[in-house]
């Protein structure tokens, strides 16, 4: 799978109209040749002229590839939907509702709704799998500037937690606090027992060895950014997950300005999806279409 970005010219050459988009949805979701659910025969399916449907060559039964998807009942053209998805795939810092409004020529209400539905697709496409191996875990506080205390305990912030496999997947979620019970639950739900887990020195992480993890704490307060654990042969650091938080926070400030706590999980899923699939940018598009 190529890591090269699909250019705008290539996109419109590939999807010049709604029919091309509909054919692609059919191909990705069902295939132009598959076993018909009605006659149970393997048959080819042909596009019907007046509707978003394909007919079985053997029995004439209809397949509606947009049924049950974000495209069903939408008055926005399929090409516009596809171009919005394309923008989400190729960007690094995200796409705001205002940018979609200007680029697609739709109302802000439509642009905002499309963006939220695409973010939901990204979460769905990523699925769930337990992390294993060497995991870096770190929490962050996301939100606009607030007067008073900085860092942990800052008022008006949304608390988010990220866990990243070394050289592998990243998963994120919104958490209510950084208490021991909360962090323990998140780690136990997402990380295989026996894995190596690197964190900072927050006391709430002290529980991990008792739950069967090899745990190493990097003491940022003492200007320590990594260290080698001779007992287990592991280098502990949280650099990878912290780099993700830096990108996410910079993107929120520059692109979205503010993200409501109500929708924070969707924005996290969007950035985690791109992080997990950045080595296969062209395939990301088909992955999202397959998740509709």
C-alpha atoms as a PDB file:
ATOM      1  CA  UNK A   1       0.000   0.000   0.000  1.00  0.00           C
ATOM      2  CA  UNK A   2       1.457   3.343  -1.019  1.00  0.00           C
ATOM      3  CA  UNK A   3       2.196   5.999   1.574  1.00  0.00           C
ATOM      4  CA  UNK A   4       2.073   8.711  -1.101  1.00  0.00           C
ATOM      5  CA  UNK A   5      -0.787  11.182  -0.817  1.00  0.00           C
ATOM      6  CA  UNK A   6      -3.575  11.102  -3.374  1.00  0.00           C
ATOM      7  CA  UNK A   7      -3.398  14.504  -5.090  1.00  0.00           C
ATOM      8  CA  UNK A   8      -6.463  16.652  -5.773  1.00  0.00           C
ATOM      9  CA  UNK A   9      -6.054  16.074  -9.518  1.00  0.00           C
ATOM     10  CA  UNK A  10      -5.877  12.311  -8.974  1.00  0.00           C
ATOM     11  CA  UNK A  11      -8.922  12.439  -6.714  1.00  0.00           C
ATOM     12  CA  UNK A  12     -11.134  14.119  -9.333  1.00  0.00           C
ATOM     13  CA  UNK A  13      -9.803  11.856 -12.073  1.00  0.00           C
ATOM     14  CA  UNK A  14     -10.782   8.859  -9.951  1.00  0.00           C
ATOM     15  CA  UNK A  15     -14.161  10.274  -8.828  1.00  0.00           C
ATOM     16  CA  UNK A  16     -15.372  12.632 -11.595  1.00  0.00           C
ATOM     17  CA  UNK A  17     -19.087  12.296 -10.698  1.00  0.00           C
ATOM     18  CA  UNK A  18     -21.598  10.697  -8.344  1.00  0.00           C
ATOM     19  CA  UNK A  19     -21.846   7.509 -10.436  1.00  0.00           C
ATOM     20  CA  UNK A  20     -18.111   6.870 -10.004  1.00  0.00           C
ATOM     21  CA  UNK A  21     -18.496   7.372  -6.255  1.00  0.00           C
ATOM     22  CA  UNK A  22     -21.484   5.025  -6.094  1.00  0.00           C
ATOM     23  CA  UNK A  23     -19.586   2.363  -8.051  1.00  0.00           C
ATOM     24  CA  UNK A  24     -16.735   2.654  -5.555  1.00  0.00           C
ATOM     25  CA  UNK A  25     -19.049   2.252  -2.559  1.00  0.00           C
ATOM     26  CA  UNK A  26     -20.558  -0.850  -4.180  1.00  0.00           C
ATOM     27  CA  UNK A  27     -17.129  -2.286  -4.974  1.00  0.00           C
ATOM     28  CA  UNK A  28     -15.757  -1.715  -1.468  1.00  0.00           C
ATOM     29  CA  UNK A  29     -18.846  -2.826   0.476  1.00  0.00           C
ATOM     30  CA  UNK A  30     -20.121  -5.728  -1.644  1.00  0.00           C
ATOM     31  CA  UNK A  31     -18.143  -6.184  -4.841  1.00  0.00           C
ATOM     32  CA  UNK A  32     -19.566  -5.975  -8.359  1.00  0.00           C
ATOM     33  CA  UNK A  33     -19.708  -9.773  -8.365  1.00  0.00           C
ATOM     34  CA  UNK A  34     -20.865 -11.619  -5.257  1.00  0.00           C
ATOM     35  CA  UNK A  35     -23.428 -14.135  -3.994  1.00  0.00           C
ATOM     36  CA  UNK A  36     -26.879 -12.581  -4.258  1.00  0.00           C
ATOM     37  CA  UNK A  37     -28.801 -12.658  -0.975  1.00  0.00           C
ATOM     38  CA  UNK A  38     -32.050 -13.268  -2.852  1.00  0.00           C
ATOM     39  CA  UNK A  39     -31.270 -16.051  -5.340  1.00  0.00           C
ATOM     40  CA  UNK A  40     -28.097 -17.301  -3.586  1.00  0.00           C
ATOM     41  CA  UNK A  41     -26.228 -17.397  -6.898  1.00  0.00           C
ATOM     42  CA  UNK A  42     -22.882 -15.775  -7.583  1.00  0.00           C
ATOM     43  CA  UNK A  43     -23.708 -13.062 -10.066  1.00  0.00           C
ATOM     44  CA  UNK A  44     -22.588  -9.721 -11.440  1.00  0.00           C
ATOM     45  CA  UNK A  45     -24.457  -6.545 -10.464  1.00  0.00           C
ATOM     46  CA  UNK A  46     -25.212  -3.673 -12.824  1.00  0.00           C
ATOM     47  CA  UNK A  47     -25.967  -0.032 -12.027  1.00  0.00           C
ATOM     48  CA  UNK A  48     -29.612   0.988 -12.399  1.00  0.00           C
ATOM     49  CA  UNK A  49     -30.129   4.196 -14.340  1.00  0.00           C
ATOM     50  CA  UNK A  50     -32.591   6.144 -12.150  1.00  0.00           C
ATOM     51  CA  UNK A  51     -31.615   5.224  -8.607  1.00  0.00           C
ATOM     52  CA  UNK A  52     -28.653   4.527  -6.311  1.00  0.00           C
ATOM     53  CA  UNK A  53     -29.016   0.796  -6.752  1.00  0.00           C
ATOM     54  CA  UNK A  54     -27.523  -2.223  -8.529  1.00  0.00           C
ATOM     55  CA  UNK A  55     -29.470  -5.153  -9.958  1.00  0.00           C
ATOM     56  CA  UNK A  56     -28.496  -8.817  -9.814  1.00  0.00           C
ATOM     57  CA  UNK A  57     -27.925 -10.212 -13.321  1.00  0.00           C
ATOM     58  CA  UNK A  58     -29.440 -13.559 -12.291  1.00  0.00           C
ATOM     59  CA  UNK A  59     -32.681 -12.552 -10.567  1.00  0.00           C
ATOM     60  CA  UNK A  60     -32.934  -8.777 -10.784  1.00  0.00           C
ATOM     61  CA  UNK A  61     -32.887  -8.246  -7.018  1.00  0.00           C
ATOM     62  CA  UNK A  62     -31.742  -4.776  -5.992  1.00  0.00           C
ATOM     63  CA  UNK A  63     -28.797  -3.812  -3.786  1.00  0.00           C
ATOM     64  CA  UNK A  64     -28.614  -0.297  -2.339  1.00  0.00           C
ATOM     65  CA  UNK A  65     -24.964   0.228  -1.358  1.00  0.00           C
ATOM     66  CA  UNK A  66     -25.699   3.515   0.476  1.00  0.00           C
ATOM     67  CA  UNK A  67     -28.370   1.948   2.711  1.00  0.00           C
ATOM     68  CA  UNK A  68     -27.495   2.176   6.387  1.00  0.00           C
ATOM     69  CA  UNK A  69     -24.592   4.548   5.747  1.00  0.00           C
ATOM     70  CA  UNK A  70     -23.949   8.260   6.273  1.00  0.00           C
ATOM     71  CA  UNK A  71     -24.864   8.736   2.606  1.00  0.00           C
ATOM     72  CA  UNK A  72     -28.407   7.379   2.965  1.00  0.00           C
ATOM     73  CA  UNK A  73     -31.070  10.119   2.778  1.00  0.00           C
ATOM     74  CA  UNK A  74     -28.374  12.801   2.412  1.00  0.00           C
ATOM     75  CA  UNK A  75     -29.142  15.508  -0.122  1.00  0.00           C
ATOM     76  CA  UNK A  76     -25.419  16.270  -0.401  1.00  0.00           C
ATOM     77  CA  UNK A  77     -23.880  14.737  -3.513  1.00  0.00           C
ATOM     78  CA  UNK A  78     -21.686  11.651  -3.157  1.00  0.00           C
ATOM     79  CA  UNK A  79     -18.778  13.445  -4.815  1.00  0.00           C
ATOM     80  CA  UNK A  80     -18.990  16.194  -2.174  1.00  0.00           C
ATOM     81  CA  UNK A  81     -19.027  13.565   0.575  1.00  0.00           C
ATOM     82  CA  UNK A  82     -16.034  11.818  -0.973  1.00  0.00           C
ATOM     83  CA  UNK A  83     -14.091  15.064  -1.253  1.00  0.00           C
ATOM     84  CA  UNK A  84     -14.798  15.837   2.419  1.00  0.00           C
ATOM     85  CA  UNK A  85     -13.477  12.393   3.379  1.00  0.00           C
ATOM     86  CA  UNK A  86     -10.450  12.976   1.155  1.00  0.00           C
ATOM     87  CA  UNK A  87      -9.689  16.241   2.996  1.00  0.00           C
ATOM     88  CA  UNK A  88      -9.793  14.437   6.340  1.00  0.00           C
ATOM     89  CA  UNK A  89      -7.435  11.750   5.048  1.00  0.00           C
ATOM     90  CA  UNK A  90      -4.741  13.984   3.569  1.00  0.00           C
ATOM     91  CA  UNK A  91      -4.657  16.656   6.281  1.00  0.00           C
ATOM     92  CA  UNK A  92      -2.305  16.528   9.271  1.00  0.00           C
ATOM     93  CA  UNK A  93      -3.922  19.125  11.504  1.00  0.00           C
ATOM     94  CA  UNK A  94      -7.588  18.308  10.903  1.00  0.00           C
ATOM     95  CA  UNK A  95     -10.384  20.091   9.055  1.00  0.00           C
ATOM     96  CA  UNK A  96     -12.638  22.647  10.722  1.00  0.00           C
ATOM     97  CA  UNK A  97     -16.324  23.104   9.980  1.00  0.00           C
ATOM     98  CA  UNK A  98     -15.639  26.569   8.531  1.00  0.00           C
ATOM     99  CA  UNK A  99     -13.006  25.153   6.194  1.00  0.00           C
ATOM    100  CA  UNK A 100     -15.433  22.486   4.971  1.00  0.00           C
ATOM    101  CA  UNK A 101     -18.083  25.165   4.489  1.00  0.00           C
ATOM    102  CA  UNK A 102     -15.771  27.249   2.298  1.00  0.00           C
ATOM    103  CA  UNK A 103     -14.239  24.351   0.361  1.00  0.00           C
ATOM    104  CA  UNK A 104     -17.415  22.356  -0.308  1.00  0.00           C
ATOM    105  CA  UNK A 105     -19.760  25.305  -0.827  1.00  0.00           C
ATOM    106  CA  UNK A 106     -22.302  24.005   1.711  1.00  0.00           C
ATOM    107  CA  UNK A 107     -23.878  25.646   4.758  1.00  0.00           C
ATOM    108  CA  UNK A 108     -21.960  25.633   8.028  1.00  0.00           C
ATOM    109  CA  UNK A 109     -24.628  23.388   9.576  1.00  0.00           C
ATOM    110  CA  UNK A 110     -24.139  20.817   6.803  1.00  0.00           C
ATOM    111  CA  UNK A 111     -20.344  21.094   6.991  1.00  0.00           C
ATOM    112  CA  UNK A 112     -20.318  20.610  10.783  1.00  0.00           C
ATOM    113  CA  UNK A 113     -22.607  17.571  10.537  1.00  0.00           C
ATOM    114  CA  UNK A 114     -20.488  16.006   7.793  1.00  0.00           C
ATOM    115  CA  UNK A 115     -17.309  16.513   9.811  1.00  0.00           C
ATOM    116  CA  UNK A 116     -18.782  14.857  12.898  1.00  0.00           C
ATOM    117  CA  UNK A 117     -20.036  11.881  10.877  1.00  0.00           C
ATOM    118  CA  UNK A 118     -16.625  11.410   9.231  1.00  0.00           C
ATOM    119  CA  UNK A 119     -14.947  11.456  12.657  1.00  0.00           C
ATOM    120  CA  UNK A 120     -17.387   8.764  13.806  1.00  0.00           C
ATOM    121  CA  UNK A 121     -16.385   6.744  10.724  1.00  0.00           C
ATOM    122  CA  UNK A 122     -12.730   7.027  11.708  1.00  0.00           C
ATOM    123  CA  UNK A 123     -13.479   5.618  15.152  1.00  0.00           C
ATOM    124  CA  UNK A 124     -15.519   2.790  13.608  1.00  0.00           C
ATOM    125  CA  UNK A 125     -12.850   1.973  11.008  1.00  0.00           C
ATOM    126  CA  UNK A 126     -10.102   1.738  13.628  1.00  0.00           C
ATOM    127  CA  UNK A 127     -11.990  -0.900  15.610  1.00  0.00           C
ATOM    128  CA  UNK A 128     -10.644  -2.253  18.888  1.00  0.00           C
ATOM    129  CA  UNK A 129      -7.649  -4.451  19.660  1.00  0.00           C
ATOM    130  CA  UNK A 130      -5.754  -4.869  22.912  1.00  0.00           C
ATOM    131  CA  UNK A 131      -2.361  -3.180  22.938  1.00  0.00           C
ATOM    132  CA  UNK A 132       0.647  -5.352  23.690  1.00  0.00           C
ATOM    133  CA  UNK A 133       4.417  -5.282  23.758  1.00  0.00           C
ATOM    134  CA  UNK A 134       5.863  -2.000  25.042  1.00  0.00           C
ATOM    135  CA  UNK A 135       3.221   0.654  25.729  1.00  0.00           C
ATOM    136  CA  UNK A 136       3.672   4.332  26.485  1.00  0.00           C
ATOM    137  CA  UNK A 137       0.828   5.871  28.515  1.00  0.00           C
ATOM    138  CA  UNK A 138       0.254   9.514  29.301  1.00  0.00           C
ATOM    139  CA  UNK A 139      -2.635  11.818  30.114  1.00  0.00           C
ATOM    140  CA  UNK A 140      -3.083  15.394  28.934  1.00  0.00           C
ATOM    141  CA  UNK A 141      -5.292  18.397  29.599  1.00  0.00           C
ATOM    142  CA  UNK A 142      -6.927  19.949  26.527  1.00  0.00           C
ATOM    143  CA  UNK A 143      -8.857  23.201  26.335  1.00  0.00           C
ATOM    144  CA  UNK A 144      -8.624  26.935  25.990  1.00  0.00           C
ATOM    145  CA  UNK A 145      -6.525  29.200  28.200  1.00  0.00           C
ATOM    146  CA  UNK A 146      -7.757  29.500  31.770  1.00  0.00           C
ATOM    147  CA  UNK A 147      -6.372  31.812  34.456  1.00  0.00           C
ATOM    148  CA  UNK A 148      -4.873  30.290  37.571  1.00  0.00           C
ATOM    149  CA  UNK A 149      -3.180  26.926  37.987  1.00  0.00           C
ATOM    150  CA  UNK A 150      -1.438  25.302  35.019  1.00  0.00           C
ATOM    151  CA  UNK A 151      -0.917  21.617  34.215  1.00  0.00           C
ATOM    152  CA  UNK A 152      -2.637  18.948  36.291  1.00  0.00           C
ATOM    153  CA  UNK A 153      -5.587  20.439  38.094  1.00  0.00           C
ATOM    154  CA  UNK A 154      -6.088  23.335  35.657  1.00  0.00           C
ATOM    155  CA  UNK A 155      -9.697  24.486  35.602  1.00  0.00           C
ATOM    156  CA  UNK A 156     -11.925  24.147  32.546  1.00  0.00           C
ATOM    157  CA  UNK A 157      -9.835  21.508  30.793  1.00  0.00           C
ATOM    158  CA  UNK A 158     -10.838  18.135  29.344  1.00  0.00           C
ATOM    159  CA  UNK A 159      -8.684  15.270  30.600  1.00  0.00           C
ATOM    160  CA  UNK A 160      -7.633  12.791  27.913  1.00  0.00           C
ATOM    161  CA  UNK A 161      -5.475   9.681  28.075  1.00  0.00           C
ATOM    162  CA  UNK A 162      -3.398   8.072  25.348  1.00  0.00           C
ATOM    163  CA  UNK A 163      -1.645   4.707  25.100  1.00  0.00           C
ATOM    164  CA  UNK A 164       0.701   3.869  22.231  1.00  0.00           C
ATOM    165  CA  UNK A 165       2.471   0.677  21.260  1.00  0.00           C
ATOM    166  CA  UNK A 166       6.099   1.186  20.378  1.00  0.00           C
ATOM    167  CA  UNK A 167       6.012   1.098  16.578  1.00  0.00           C
ATOM    168  CA  UNK A 168       2.313   0.275  16.611  1.00  0.00           C
ATOM    169  CA  UNK A 169      -1.213   1.461  17.352  1.00  0.00           C
ATOM    170  CA  UNK A 170      -2.401   4.352  19.450  1.00  0.00           C
ATOM    171  CA  UNK A 171      -5.637   4.490  21.414  1.00  0.00           C
ATOM    172  CA  UNK A 172      -7.135   7.453  23.255  1.00  0.00           C
ATOM    173  CA  UNK A 173     -10.125   8.287  25.421  1.00  0.00           C
ATOM    174  CA  UNK A 174     -11.606  11.026  27.562  1.00  0.00           C
ATOM    175  CA  UNK A 175     -11.325  10.362  31.308  1.00  0.00           C
ATOM    176  CA  UNK A 176     -13.078  12.097  34.218  1.00  0.00           C
ATOM    177  CA  UNK A 177     -10.005  12.361  36.482  1.00  0.00           C
ATOM    178  CA  UNK A 178      -6.498  10.981  37.062  1.00  0.00           C
ATOM    179  CA  UNK A 179      -7.328   8.951  40.140  1.00  0.00           C
ATOM    180  CA  UNK A 180      -5.795   5.519  40.580  1.00  0.00           C
ATOM    181  CA  UNK A 181      -9.054   3.641  39.951  1.00  0.00           C
ATOM    182  CA  UNK A 182      -9.692   5.529  36.709  1.00  0.00           C
ATOM    183  CA  UNK A 183      -6.224   4.968  35.236  1.00  0.00           C
ATOM    184  CA  UNK A 184      -6.214   1.340  36.331  1.00  0.00           C
ATOM    185  CA  UNK A 185      -9.521   0.701  34.545  1.00  0.00           C
ATOM    186  CA  UNK A 186      -8.303   2.339  31.308  1.00  0.00           C
ATOM    187  CA  UNK A 187      -5.051   0.362  31.257  1.00  0.00           C
ATOM    188  CA  UNK A 188      -6.702  -2.959  32.117  1.00  0.00           C
ATOM    189  CA  UNK A 189      -9.287  -2.509  29.349  1.00  0.00           C
ATOM    190  CA  UNK A 190      -6.748  -1.628  26.668  1.00  0.00           C
ATOM    191  CA  UNK A 191      -3.401  -3.276  27.466  1.00  0.00           C
ATOM    192  CA  UNK A 192      -2.586  -6.987  27.566  1.00  0.00           C
ATOM    193  CA  UNK A 193      -1.281  -8.193  30.962  1.00  0.00           C
ATOM    194  CA  UNK A 194       2.449  -8.837  30.886  1.00  0.00           C
ATOM    195  CA  UNK A 195       3.120  -5.847  28.636  1.00  0.00           C
ATOM    196  CA  UNK A 196       5.793  -3.276  29.451  1.00  0.00           C
ATOM    197  CA  UNK A 197       4.175   0.062  30.338  1.00  0.00           C
ATOM    198  CA  UNK A 198       6.089   3.359  30.498  1.00  0.00           C
ATOM    199  CA  UNK A 199       4.525   6.359  32.264  1.00  0.00           C
ATOM    200  CA  UNK A 200       5.593   9.542  34.010  1.00  0.00           C
ATOM    201  CA  UNK A 201       5.919   9.765  37.784  1.00  0.00           C
ATOM    202  CA  UNK A 202       2.220  10.405  38.573  1.00  0.00           C
ATOM    203  CA  UNK A 203       1.504   8.402  41.737  1.00  0.00           C
ATOM    204  CA  UNK A 204      -1.749   6.984  40.318  1.00  0.00           C
ATOM    205  CA  UNK A 205       0.297   4.839  37.906  1.00  0.00           C
ATOM    206  CA  UNK A 206       1.986   3.035  40.812  1.00  0.00           C
ATOM    207  CA  UNK A 207      -0.640   0.309  40.714  1.00  0.00           C
ATOM    208  CA  UNK A 208       0.426  -1.219  37.394  1.00  0.00           C
ATOM    209  CA  UNK A 209       2.983  -3.774  38.592  1.00  0.00           C
ATOM    210  CA  UNK A 210       0.358  -5.263  40.896  1.00  0.00           C
ATOM    211  CA  UNK A 211      -1.866  -5.827  37.852  1.00  0.00           C
ATOM    212  CA  UNK A 212       0.782  -7.870  36.052  1.00  0.00           C
ATOM    213  CA  UNK A 213       2.526  -5.181  33.990  1.00  0.00           C
ATOM    214  CA  UNK A 214       6.230  -4.405  33.815  1.00  0.00           C
ATOM    215  CA  UNK A 215       6.102  -0.755  34.819  1.00  0.00           C
ATOM    216  CA  UNK A 216       8.688   1.983  34.447  1.00  0.00           C
ATOM    217  CA  UNK A 217       8.240   5.608  35.503  1.00  0.00           C
ATOM    218  CA  UNK A 218      10.146   8.468  33.864  1.00  0.00           C
ATOM    219  CA  UNK A 219      10.712  11.315  36.323  1.00  0.00           C
ATOM    220  CA  UNK A 220      10.056  14.437  34.287  1.00  0.00           C
ATOM    221  CA  UNK A 221      10.266  16.579  37.432  1.00  0.00           C
ATOM    222  CA  UNK A 222      13.940  15.597  37.720  1.00  0.00           C
ATOM    223  CA  UNK A 223      14.533  16.409  34.011  1.00  0.00           C
ATOM    224  CA  UNK A 224      14.565  12.702  33.117  1.00  0.00           C
ATOM    225  CA  UNK A 225      13.113  11.863  29.692  1.00  0.00           C
ATOM    226  CA  UNK A 226      14.162   8.211  29.378  1.00  0.00           C
ATOM    227  CA  UNK A 227      16.099   5.549  31.237  1.00  0.00           C
ATOM    228  CA  UNK A 228      17.167   1.946  30.697  1.00  0.00           C
ATOM    229  CA  UNK A 229      15.678  -0.719  32.950  1.00  0.00           C
ATOM    230  CA  UNK A 230      18.449  -3.325  33.277  1.00  0.00           C
ATOM    231  CA  UNK A 231      16.207  -5.684  35.221  1.00  0.00           C
ATOM    232  CA  UNK A 232      13.754  -6.104  32.314  1.00  0.00           C
ATOM    233  CA  UNK A 233      15.896  -4.923  29.398  1.00  0.00           C
ATOM    234  CA  UNK A 234      13.579  -2.063  28.443  1.00  0.00           C
ATOM    235  CA  UNK A 235      14.119   1.620  27.733  1.00  0.00           C
ATOM    236  CA  UNK A 236      11.355   3.620  29.378  1.00  0.00           C
ATOM    237  CA  UNK A 237      10.125   6.910  27.943  1.00  0.00           C
ATOM    238  CA  UNK A 238       6.844   8.563  26.990  1.00  0.00           C
ATOM    239  CA  UNK A 239       8.200  10.527  24.032  1.00  0.00           C
ATOM    240  CA  UNK A 240       5.956   8.994  21.341  1.00  0.00           C
ATOM    241  CA  UNK A 241       2.636   9.543  23.091  1.00  0.00           C
ATOM    242  CA  UNK A 242       3.727  13.024  24.216  1.00  0.00           C
ATOM    243  CA  UNK A 243       4.539  13.888  20.581  1.00  0.00           C
ATOM    244  CA  UNK A 244       0.970  12.909  19.699  1.00  0.00           C
ATOM    245  CA  UNK A 245      -0.394  15.241  22.391  1.00  0.00           C
ATOM    246  CA  UNK A 246       1.750  18.102  21.093  1.00  0.00           C
ATOM    247  CA  UNK A 247       0.361  17.665  17.574  1.00  0.00           C
ATOM    248  CA  UNK A 248      -3.209  17.307  18.842  1.00  0.00           C
ATOM    249  CA  UNK A 249      -3.046  20.422  21.024  1.00  0.00           C
ATOM    250  CA  UNK A 250      -1.386  22.476  18.275  1.00  0.00           C
ATOM    251  CA  UNK A 251      -4.076  21.362  15.830  1.00  0.00           C
ATOM    252  CA  UNK A 252      -6.897  22.269  18.203  1.00  0.00           C
ATOM    253  CA  UNK A 253      -5.392  25.731  18.723  1.00  0.00           C
ATOM    254  CA  UNK A 254      -4.726  26.421  15.038  1.00  0.00           C
ATOM    255  CA  UNK A 255      -7.594  24.632  13.291  1.00  0.00           C
ATOM    256  CA  UNK A 256     -10.502  24.193  15.677  1.00  0.00           C
ATOM    257  CA  UNK A 257      -9.768  26.942  18.250  1.00  0.00           C
ATOM    258  CA  UNK A 258     -11.929  25.095  20.786  1.00  0.00           C
ATOM    259  CA  UNK A 259     -13.313  21.565  21.102  1.00  0.00           C
ATOM    260  CA  UNK A 260     -16.298  20.937  23.345  1.00  0.00           C
ATOM    261  CA  UNK A 261     -15.838  18.153  25.952  1.00  0.00           C
ATOM    262  CA  UNK A 262     -19.055  16.654  24.533  1.00  0.00           C
ATOM    263  CA  UNK A 263     -17.349  15.928  21.196  1.00  0.00           C
ATOM    264  CA  UNK A 264     -13.733  15.533  22.340  1.00  0.00           C
ATOM    265  CA  UNK A 265     -13.782  11.755  21.863  1.00  0.00           C
ATOM    266  CA  UNK A 266     -14.601  12.169  18.154  1.00  0.00           C
ATOM    267  CA  UNK A 267     -11.676  14.525  17.571  1.00  0.00           C
ATOM    268  CA  UNK A 268      -9.377  12.146  19.452  1.00  0.00           C
ATOM    269  CA  UNK A 269     -10.561   9.281  17.230  1.00  0.00           C
ATOM    270  CA  UNK A 270      -9.859  11.373  14.122  1.00  0.00           C
ATOM    271  CA  UNK A 271      -6.247  12.091  15.086  1.00  0.00           C
ATOM    272  CA  UNK A 272      -5.642   8.560  16.401  1.00  0.00           C
ATOM    273  CA  UNK A 273      -6.926   7.138  13.083  1.00  0.00           C
ATOM    274  CA  UNK A 274      -4.460   9.216  11.075  1.00  0.00           C
ATOM    275  CA  UNK A 275      -1.643   8.301  13.463  1.00  0.00           C
ATOM    276  CA  UNK A 276      -2.423   4.589  13.182  1.00  0.00           C
ATOM    277  CA  UNK A 277      -2.651   4.578   9.366  1.00  0.00           C
ATOM    278  CA  UNK A 278      -0.251   7.310   8.250  1.00  0.00           C
ATOM    279  CA  UNK A 279       1.967   4.736   6.480  1.00  0.00           C
ATOM    280  CA  UNK A 280      -0.931   3.794   4.152  1.00  0.00           C
ATOM    281  CA  UNK A 281      -2.508   7.137   3.279  1.00  0.00           C
ATOM    282  CA  UNK A 282      -4.159   6.019   0.040  1.00  0.00           C
ATOM    283  CA  UNK A 283      -5.658   2.949   1.726  1.00  0.00           C
ATOM    284  CA  UNK A 284      -7.167   5.139   4.472  1.00  0.00           C
ATOM    285  CA  UNK A 285      -9.764   6.401   2.018  1.00  0.00           C
ATOM    286  CA  UNK A 286     -11.036   2.916   1.129  1.00  0.00           C
ATOM    287  CA  UNK A 287     -10.880   1.933   4.815  1.00  0.00           C
ATOM    288  CA  UNK A 288     -13.303   4.739   5.642  1.00  0.00           C
ATOM    289  CA  UNK A 289     -15.619   3.971   2.727  1.00  0.00           C
ATOM    290  CA  UNK A 290     -15.734   0.362   3.893  1.00  0.00           C
ATOM    291  CA  UNK A 291     -16.748   1.520   7.379  1.00  0.00           C
ATOM    292  CA  UNK A 292     -19.698   3.643   6.262  1.00  0.00           C
END
